[in-house]
Amino acid sequence: MHHTLRMTVVALAVASLQLTGCHEKSTYTKVEPAHVEHKEGEAISKLTLTEKAMERLDVQTTPVREGKVEGEENGAPRPFVPYSAIMYVAQGDTFVYTSPEPRTFIRHPIEVDYIKGDVAVLKNGPPPGTQVVSVGAAELFGTEFGVGH
């Protein structure tokens, strides 16, 4: 019985030591991975990611290019983007995310003329040279609309 009492005292002492750490305040500061700016009266938002979010998502951009598309014999140079840059919404509208400055993204409506392989030839869209997201667009869409949050 004396041994059981001694074990109980030891167990209570260990438990009380663990509880003393509960009084300390946490120094954890929550950092949002992205800031979404909604402009009043506009459907388009501006997303700004942190450096860490950019690293985790591995967002990659490429410029809108202009040129003759392989297989087209005649015609003027056409603007095109990688097919991976195109996003579709439920209503059938298409868009790309442009990147006007580092870590900043804006949804830009486009009109696709046709798709050939991994290239989408545009009827309307951002001008040639504009940086568009070619990897990570779905993650930006989820961030913009709070999907998965």
N, C-alpha and C. Protein backbone atom coordinates (compact mmCIF):
# COMPACT_ATOMS: atom_id res chain seq x y z
N MET A 1 0.83 -1.19 0.00
CA MET A 1 0.00 0.00 0.00
C MET A 1 0.87 1.26 0.00
N HIS A 2 1.98 1.18 0.77
CA HIS A 2 2.89 2.31 0.84
C HIS A 2 3.47 2.62 -0.54
N HIS A 3 3.75 1.57 -1.33
CA HIS A 3 4.28 1.72 -2.68
C HIS A 3 3.24 2.38 -3.60
N THR A 4 1.97 2.03 -3.47
CA THR A 4 0.90 2.61 -4.28
C THR A 4 0.74 4.09 -3.97
N LEU A 5 0.83 4.47 -2.71
CA LEU A 5 0.71 5.88 -2.32
C LEU A 5 1.86 6.68 -2.92
N ARG A 6 3.07 6.12 -2.87
CA ARG A 6 4.25 6.80 -3.41
C ARG A 6 4.10 7.00 -4.92
N MET A 7 3.59 6.02 -5.68
CA MET A 7 3.39 6.13 -7.13
C MET A 7 2.32 7.17 -7.45
N THR A 8 1.29 7.26 -6.62
CA THR A 8 0.23 8.25 -6.83
C THR A 8 0.78 9.65 -6.66
N VAL A 9 1.60 9.86 -5.63
CA VAL A 9 2.21 11.18 -5.39
C VAL A 9 3.11 11.56 -6.55
N VAL A 10 3.91 10.63 -7.04
CA VAL A 10 4.80 10.90 -8.17
C VAL A 10 3.98 11.25 -9.42
N ALA A 11 2.93 10.52 -9.68
CA ALA A 11 2.08 10.78 -10.85
C ALA A 11 1.44 12.16 -10.76
N LEU A 12 0.97 12.56 -9.59
CA LEU A 12 0.37 13.89 -9.41
C LEU A 12 1.41 14.98 -9.59
N ALA A 13 2.62 14.74 -9.11
CA ALA A 13 3.69 15.73 -9.26
C ALA A 13 4.02 15.95 -10.74
N VAL A 14 4.12 14.87 -11.50
CA VAL A 14 4.41 14.98 -12.94
C VAL A 14 3.28 15.70 -13.66
N ALA A 15 2.05 15.37 -13.33
CA ALA A 15 0.90 16.02 -13.96
C ALA A 15 0.86 17.50 -13.65
N SER A 16 1.19 17.89 -12.43
CA SER A 16 1.15 19.32 -12.09
C SER A 16 2.25 20.08 -12.80
N LEU A 17 3.41 19.45 -13.02
CA LEU A 17 4.47 20.11 -13.77
C LEU A 17 4.06 20.36 -15.22
N GLN A 18 3.34 19.44 -15.81
CA GLN A 18 2.89 19.60 -17.19
C GLN A 18 1.85 20.71 -17.29
N LEU A 19 1.03 20.88 -16.29
CA LEU A 19 -0.01 21.90 -16.32
C LEU A 19 0.56 23.30 -16.14
N THR A 20 1.72 23.44 -15.49
CA THR A 20 2.28 24.77 -15.29
C THR A 20 2.64 25.43 -16.62
N GLY A 21 2.95 24.66 -17.63
CA GLY A 21 3.26 25.22 -18.94
C GLY A 21 2.05 25.77 -19.66
N CYS A 22 0.85 25.49 -19.20
CA CYS A 22 -0.37 25.94 -19.86
C CYS A 22 -0.63 27.42 -19.64
N HIS A 23 0.06 28.05 -18.69
CA HIS A 23 -0.18 29.46 -18.39
C HIS A 23 0.55 30.40 -19.33
N GLU A 24 1.51 29.89 -20.09
CA GLU A 24 2.27 30.73 -21.00
C GLU A 24 1.41 31.08 -22.21
N LYS A 25 1.55 32.33 -22.65
CA LYS A 25 0.82 32.75 -23.84
C LYS A 25 1.59 32.31 -25.07
N SER A 26 0.85 31.94 -26.10
CA SER A 26 1.46 31.49 -27.34
C SER A 26 2.03 32.69 -28.09
N THR A 27 3.16 32.51 -28.73
CA THR A 27 3.75 33.57 -29.54
C THR A 27 3.45 33.34 -31.02
N TYR A 28 2.58 32.38 -31.32
CA TYR A 28 2.22 32.05 -32.69
C TYR A 28 1.39 33.18 -33.28
N THR A 29 1.76 33.63 -34.45
CA THR A 29 1.01 34.64 -35.18
C THR A 29 0.57 34.04 -36.49
N LYS A 30 -0.73 34.04 -36.72
CA LYS A 30 -1.25 33.47 -37.96
C LYS A 30 -0.98 34.44 -39.11
N VAL A 31 -0.40 33.91 -40.18
CA VAL A 31 -0.11 34.69 -41.37
C VAL A 31 -0.95 34.12 -42.51
N GLU A 32 -1.78 34.95 -43.10
CA GLU A 32 -2.59 34.51 -44.23
C GLU A 32 -1.69 34.36 -45.45
N PRO A 33 -1.82 33.28 -46.21
CA PRO A 33 -0.96 33.07 -47.38
C PRO A 33 -1.28 33.99 -48.56
N ALA A 34 -2.47 34.58 -48.53
CA ALA A 34 -2.86 35.45 -49.65
C ALA A 34 -3.78 36.55 -49.16
N HIS A 35 -3.70 37.66 -49.86
CA HIS A 35 -4.62 38.77 -49.61
C HIS A 35 -5.47 38.94 -50.87
N VAL A 36 -6.79 38.93 -50.70
CA VAL A 36 -7.70 39.07 -51.83
C VAL A 36 -8.39 40.43 -51.73
N GLU A 37 -8.22 41.25 -52.76
CA GLU A 37 -8.88 42.56 -52.82
C GLU A 37 -10.07 42.45 -53.76
N HIS A 38 -11.26 42.68 -53.21
CA HIS A 38 -12.47 42.70 -54.05
C HIS A 38 -12.79 44.15 -54.33
N LYS A 39 -12.85 44.50 -55.61
CA LYS A 39 -13.19 45.87 -55.99
C LYS A 39 -14.69 46.00 -56.08
N GLU A 40 -15.21 47.05 -55.49
CA GLU A 40 -16.66 47.26 -55.47
C GLU A 40 -17.20 47.40 -56.88
N GLY A 41 -18.27 46.66 -57.17
CA GLY A 41 -18.91 46.75 -58.47
C GLY A 41 -18.22 45.96 -59.56
N GLU A 42 -17.12 45.28 -59.23
CA GLU A 42 -16.40 44.49 -60.23
C GLU A 42 -16.34 43.04 -59.79
N ALA A 43 -16.40 42.15 -60.76
CA ALA A 43 -16.34 40.72 -60.46
C ALA A 43 -14.90 40.23 -60.35
N ILE A 44 -13.96 41.04 -60.81
CA ILE A 44 -12.57 40.62 -60.83
C ILE A 44 -11.88 41.05 -59.53
N SER A 45 -11.11 40.14 -58.96
CA SER A 45 -10.38 40.41 -57.74
C SER A 45 -8.88 40.45 -58.02
N LYS A 46 -8.16 41.04 -57.07
CA LYS A 46 -6.70 41.08 -57.15
C LYS A 46 -6.17 40.22 -56.01
N LEU A 47 -5.33 39.25 -56.34
CA LEU A 47 -4.74 38.34 -55.35
C LEU A 47 -3.26 38.67 -55.18
N THR A 48 -2.82 38.74 -53.94
CA THR A 48 -1.41 38.91 -53.66
C THR A 48 -0.98 37.79 -52.72
N LEU A 49 -0.02 37.00 -53.13
CA LEU A 49 0.46 35.87 -52.34
C LEU A 49 1.71 36.25 -51.57
N THR A 50 1.92 35.59 -50.44
CA THR A 50 3.17 35.74 -49.71
C THR A 50 4.26 34.97 -50.44
N GLU A 51 5.51 35.24 -50.08
CA GLU A 51 6.63 34.50 -50.67
C GLU A 51 6.49 33.01 -50.38
N LYS A 52 6.09 32.67 -49.15
CA LYS A 52 5.95 31.27 -48.77
C LYS A 52 4.85 30.58 -49.59
N ALA A 53 3.74 31.29 -49.82
CA ALA A 53 2.66 30.73 -50.63
C ALA A 53 3.13 30.49 -52.06
N MET A 54 3.90 31.41 -52.60
CA MET A 54 4.44 31.24 -53.96
C MET A 54 5.32 30.00 -54.02
N GLU A 55 6.12 29.82 -52.99
CA GLU A 55 7.02 28.67 -52.94
C GLU A 55 6.23 27.37 -52.83
N ARG A 56 5.23 27.35 -51.96
CA ARG A 56 4.44 26.13 -51.76
C ARG A 56 3.62 25.77 -53.00
N LEU A 57 3.02 26.76 -53.63
CA LEU A 57 2.17 26.50 -54.79
C LEU A 57 2.97 26.30 -56.07
N ASP A 58 4.20 26.79 -56.08
CA ASP A 58 5.05 26.72 -57.27
C ASP A 58 4.36 27.34 -58.48
N VAL A 59 3.76 28.53 -58.27
CA VAL A 59 3.08 29.24 -59.36
C VAL A 59 4.12 29.63 -60.41
N GLN A 60 3.80 29.33 -61.66
CA GLN A 60 4.70 29.67 -62.77
C GLN A 60 3.94 30.47 -63.81
N THR A 61 4.64 31.40 -64.41
CA THR A 61 4.02 32.24 -65.45
C THR A 61 4.81 32.12 -66.75
N THR A 62 4.12 32.51 -67.81
CA THR A 62 4.73 32.56 -69.14
C THR A 62 4.05 33.71 -69.88
N PRO A 63 4.71 34.34 -70.82
CA PRO A 63 4.06 35.45 -71.54
C PRO A 63 3.06 34.95 -72.59
N VAL A 64 2.05 35.77 -72.84
CA VAL A 64 1.18 35.53 -74.00
C VAL A 64 2.08 35.71 -75.21
N ARG A 65 2.06 34.75 -76.07
CA ARG A 65 2.92 34.80 -77.26
C ARG A 65 2.08 35.12 -78.49
N GLU A 66 2.76 35.56 -79.52
CA GLU A 66 2.08 35.83 -80.79
C GLU A 66 2.93 35.23 -81.89
N GLY A 67 2.27 34.52 -82.78
CA GLY A 67 3.01 33.92 -83.88
C GLY A 67 2.09 33.05 -84.70
N LYS A 68 2.68 32.45 -85.71
CA LYS A 68 1.91 31.51 -86.52
C LYS A 68 1.85 30.19 -85.77
N VAL A 69 0.67 29.67 -85.68
CA VAL A 69 0.46 28.42 -84.99
C VAL A 69 0.76 27.28 -85.94
N GLU A 70 1.48 26.29 -85.46
CA GLU A 70 1.84 25.14 -86.28
C GLU A 70 0.59 24.52 -86.90
N GLY A 71 0.63 24.29 -88.20
CA GLY A 71 -0.51 23.70 -88.90
C GLY A 71 -1.35 24.73 -89.63
N GLU A 72 -1.21 26.01 -89.27
CA GLU A 72 -1.93 27.07 -89.99
C GLU A 72 -1.05 27.53 -91.14
N GLU A 73 -1.58 27.41 -92.35
CA GLU A 73 -0.77 27.76 -93.52
C GLU A 73 -0.81 29.25 -93.82
N ASN A 74 -1.98 29.85 -93.68
CA ASN A 74 -2.13 31.27 -94.01
C ASN A 74 -2.55 32.04 -92.77
N GLY A 75 -2.52 33.31 -92.91
CA GLY A 75 -3.04 34.13 -91.83
C GLY A 75 -1.96 34.87 -91.07
N ALA A 76 -2.42 35.87 -90.35
CA ALA A 76 -1.53 36.72 -89.56
C ALA A 76 -1.14 36.00 -88.27
N PRO A 77 -0.09 36.45 -87.65
CA PRO A 77 0.28 35.89 -86.35
C PRO A 77 -0.88 36.03 -85.36
N ARG A 78 -1.04 35.05 -84.50
CA ARG A 78 -2.16 35.02 -83.56
C ARG A 78 -1.62 34.95 -82.13
N PRO A 79 -2.34 35.56 -81.18
CA PRO A 79 -1.93 35.41 -79.78
C PRO A 79 -2.31 34.02 -79.27
N PHE A 80 -1.44 33.43 -78.46
CA PHE A 80 -1.74 32.12 -77.89
C PHE A 80 -1.10 31.98 -76.51
N VAL A 81 -1.67 31.07 -75.74
CA VAL A 81 -1.19 30.77 -74.38
C VAL A 81 -1.15 29.25 -74.22
N PRO A 82 -0.42 28.77 -73.23
CA PRO A 82 -0.48 27.32 -72.96
C PRO A 82 -1.90 26.94 -72.55
N TYR A 83 -2.34 25.78 -72.98
CA TYR A 83 -3.68 25.31 -72.62
C TYR A 83 -3.82 25.23 -71.10
N SER A 84 -2.73 24.93 -70.40
CA SER A 84 -2.77 24.82 -68.93
C SER A 84 -3.09 26.15 -68.25
N ALA A 85 -2.97 27.26 -68.96
CA ALA A 85 -3.25 28.58 -68.37
C ALA A 85 -4.75 28.88 -68.32
N ILE A 86 -5.54 28.15 -69.09
CA ILE A 86 -6.97 28.46 -69.23
C ILE A 86 -7.78 27.85 -68.10
N MET A 87 -8.67 28.66 -67.54
CA MET A 87 -9.60 28.21 -66.51
C MET A 87 -11.02 28.39 -67.05
N TYR A 88 -11.87 27.44 -66.70
CA TYR A 88 -13.27 27.49 -67.10
C TYR A 88 -14.12 27.60 -65.84
N VAL A 89 -15.19 28.39 -65.91
CA VAL A 89 -16.14 28.45 -64.80
C VAL A 89 -17.42 27.73 -65.23
N ALA A 90 -18.28 27.48 -64.26
CA ALA A 90 -19.48 26.67 -64.49
C ALA A 90 -20.34 27.20 -65.64
N GLN A 91 -20.38 28.51 -65.85
CA GLN A 91 -21.21 29.07 -66.91
C GLN A 91 -20.57 28.93 -68.29
N GLY A 92 -19.34 28.40 -68.34
CA GLY A 92 -18.66 28.21 -69.61
C GLY A 92 -17.70 29.32 -69.98
N ASP A 93 -17.65 30.38 -69.19
CA ASP A 93 -16.71 31.47 -69.46
C ASP A 93 -15.28 30.98 -69.25
N THR A 94 -14.35 31.59 -69.97
CA THR A 94 -12.94 31.23 -69.84
C THR A 94 -12.14 32.45 -69.41
N PHE A 95 -11.06 32.17 -68.70
CA PHE A 95 -10.19 33.26 -68.26
C PHE A 95 -8.79 32.71 -67.99
N VAL A 96 -7.85 33.62 -67.85
CA VAL A 96 -6.50 33.31 -67.40
C VAL A 96 -6.21 34.24 -66.23
N TYR A 97 -5.24 33.89 -65.44
CA TYR A 97 -4.75 34.80 -64.40
C TYR A 97 -3.52 35.49 -64.96
N THR A 98 -3.56 36.82 -64.98
CA THR A 98 -2.40 37.59 -65.40
C THR A 98 -1.60 37.96 -64.16
N SER A 99 -0.34 38.29 -64.36
CA SER A 99 0.53 38.67 -63.26
C SER A 99 1.20 40.00 -63.60
N PRO A 100 0.53 41.13 -63.25
CA PRO A 100 1.08 42.43 -63.60
C PRO A 100 2.33 42.80 -62.81
N GLU A 101 2.52 42.18 -61.65
CA GLU A 101 3.72 42.40 -60.85
C GLU A 101 3.99 41.14 -60.04
N PRO A 102 5.19 40.98 -59.51
CA PRO A 102 5.50 39.75 -58.78
C PRO A 102 4.51 39.45 -57.65
N ARG A 103 4.09 38.18 -57.55
CA ARG A 103 3.20 37.66 -56.52
C ARG A 103 1.78 38.24 -56.58
N THR A 104 1.44 38.96 -57.64
CA THR A 104 0.12 39.57 -57.80
C THR A 104 -0.56 38.99 -59.03
N PHE A 105 -1.85 38.65 -58.86
CA PHE A 105 -2.59 37.97 -59.93
C PHE A 105 -3.98 38.56 -60.07
N ILE A 106 -4.41 38.71 -61.33
CA ILE A 106 -5.73 39.25 -61.64
C ILE A 106 -6.37 38.35 -62.70
N ARG A 107 -7.61 37.97 -62.46
CA ARG A 107 -8.34 37.15 -63.41
C ARG A 107 -8.68 38.00 -64.63
N HIS A 108 -8.40 37.49 -65.81
CA HIS A 108 -8.63 38.23 -67.05
C HIS A 108 -9.47 37.37 -67.99
N PRO A 109 -10.67 37.85 -68.38
CA PRO A 109 -11.50 37.07 -69.30
C PRO A 109 -10.83 36.93 -70.66
N ILE A 110 -11.04 35.78 -71.28
CA ILE A 110 -10.50 35.54 -72.62
C ILE A 110 -11.57 34.86 -73.46
N GLU A 111 -11.33 34.85 -74.77
CA GLU A 111 -12.17 34.09 -75.69
C GLU A 111 -11.23 33.22 -76.51
N VAL A 112 -11.44 31.92 -76.40
CA VAL A 112 -10.59 30.96 -77.11
C VAL A 112 -11.15 30.74 -78.51
N ASP A 113 -10.28 30.84 -79.52
CA ASP A 113 -10.68 30.55 -80.88
C ASP A 113 -10.67 29.03 -81.08
N TYR A 114 -9.53 28.41 -80.78
CA TYR A 114 -9.44 26.95 -80.84
C TYR A 114 -8.23 26.49 -80.05
N ILE A 115 -8.21 25.18 -79.79
CA ILE A 115 -7.10 24.58 -79.05
C ILE A 115 -6.42 23.58 -79.98
N LYS A 116 -5.11 23.65 -80.04
CA LYS A 116 -4.34 22.73 -80.86
C LYS A 116 -3.21 22.19 -79.98
N GLY A 117 -3.34 20.92 -79.62
CA GLY A 117 -2.34 20.31 -78.74
C GLY A 117 -2.38 20.96 -77.37
N ASP A 118 -1.25 21.50 -76.94
CA ASP A 118 -1.20 22.13 -75.62
C ASP A 118 -1.19 23.67 -75.73
N VAL A 119 -1.70 24.18 -76.87
CA VAL A 119 -1.75 25.63 -77.11
C VAL A 119 -3.19 26.05 -77.35
N ALA A 120 -3.57 27.18 -76.72
CA ALA A 120 -4.90 27.76 -76.95
C ALA A 120 -4.71 29.06 -77.73
N VAL A 121 -5.28 29.11 -78.93
CA VAL A 121 -5.23 30.31 -79.76
C VAL A 121 -6.40 31.19 -79.36
N LEU A 122 -6.11 32.47 -79.11
CA LEU A 122 -7.12 33.38 -78.56
C LEU A 122 -7.75 34.27 -79.61
N LYS A 123 -9.06 34.50 -79.46
CA LYS A 123 -9.77 35.53 -80.23
C LYS A 123 -9.60 36.86 -79.51
N ASN A 124 -9.79 36.81 -78.18
CA ASN A 124 -9.65 37.99 -77.33
C ASN A 124 -8.93 37.59 -76.06
N GLY A 125 -8.11 38.50 -75.56
CA GLY A 125 -7.39 38.22 -74.32
C GLY A 125 -6.36 39.30 -74.05
N PRO A 126 -5.51 39.04 -73.09
CA PRO A 126 -4.47 40.03 -72.78
C PRO A 126 -3.49 40.17 -73.94
N PRO A 127 -2.86 41.32 -74.06
CA PRO A 127 -1.94 41.54 -75.18
C PRO A 127 -0.69 40.67 -75.08
N PRO A 128 -0.05 40.42 -76.22
CA PRO A 128 1.20 39.65 -76.23
C PRO A 128 2.21 40.26 -75.25
N GLY A 129 2.94 39.38 -74.57
CA GLY A 129 3.91 39.83 -73.59
C GLY A 129 3.39 39.83 -72.16
N THR A 130 2.06 39.84 -72.00
CA THR A 130 1.47 39.81 -70.67
C THR A 130 1.77 38.47 -70.01
N GLN A 131 2.24 38.50 -68.77
CA GLN A 131 2.51 37.26 -68.04
C GLN A 131 1.20 36.62 -67.60
N VAL A 132 1.03 35.33 -67.91
CA VAL A 132 -0.14 34.58 -67.47
C VAL A 132 0.33 33.36 -66.68
N VAL A 133 -0.49 32.94 -65.74
CA VAL A 133 -0.16 31.77 -64.91
C VAL A 133 -0.35 30.51 -65.74
N SER A 134 0.72 29.72 -65.85
CA SER A 134 0.64 28.46 -66.60
C SER A 134 0.62 27.26 -65.67
N VAL A 135 1.06 27.44 -64.43
CA VAL A 135 1.01 26.39 -63.40
C VAL A 135 0.52 27.04 -62.11
N GLY A 136 -0.56 26.49 -61.54
CA GLY A 136 -1.08 26.99 -60.27
C GLY A 136 -2.36 27.80 -60.39
N ALA A 137 -2.94 27.88 -61.58
CA ALA A 137 -4.16 28.69 -61.76
C ALA A 137 -5.32 28.15 -60.94
N ALA A 138 -5.46 26.85 -60.85
CA ALA A 138 -6.57 26.27 -60.06
C ALA A 138 -6.43 26.64 -58.59
N GLU A 139 -5.21 26.66 -58.08
CA GLU A 139 -4.99 27.04 -56.69
C GLU A 139 -5.32 28.52 -56.47
N LEU A 140 -5.01 29.37 -57.44
CA LEU A 140 -5.37 30.79 -57.32
C LEU A 140 -6.88 30.96 -57.33
N PHE A 141 -7.56 30.20 -58.18
CA PHE A 141 -9.02 30.25 -58.23
C PHE A 141 -9.60 29.86 -56.88
N GLY A 142 -9.09 28.80 -56.29
CA GLY A 142 -9.55 28.36 -54.97
C GLY A 142 -9.29 29.41 -53.92
N THR A 143 -8.16 30.09 -53.99
CA THR A 143 -7.84 31.16 -53.05
C THR A 143 -8.79 32.34 -53.23
N GLU A 144 -9.06 32.72 -54.47
CA GLU A 144 -9.92 33.86 -54.75
C GLU A 144 -11.33 33.63 -54.22
N PHE A 145 -11.85 32.42 -54.37
CA PHE A 145 -13.23 32.15 -54.00
C PHE A 145 -13.38 31.40 -52.69
N GLY A 146 -12.28 31.18 -51.98
CA GLY A 146 -12.36 30.55 -50.67
C GLY A 146 -12.68 29.07 -50.71
N VAL A 147 -12.39 28.41 -51.82
CA VAL A 147 -12.64 26.98 -51.93
C VAL A 147 -11.61 26.26 -51.06
N GLY A 148 -12.09 25.40 -50.19
CA GLY A 148 -11.21 24.64 -49.32
C GLY A 148 -10.77 25.39 -48.08
N HIS A 149 -11.35 26.56 -47.83
CA HIS A 149 -10.98 27.32 -46.63
C HIS A 149 -12.06 27.20 -45.58
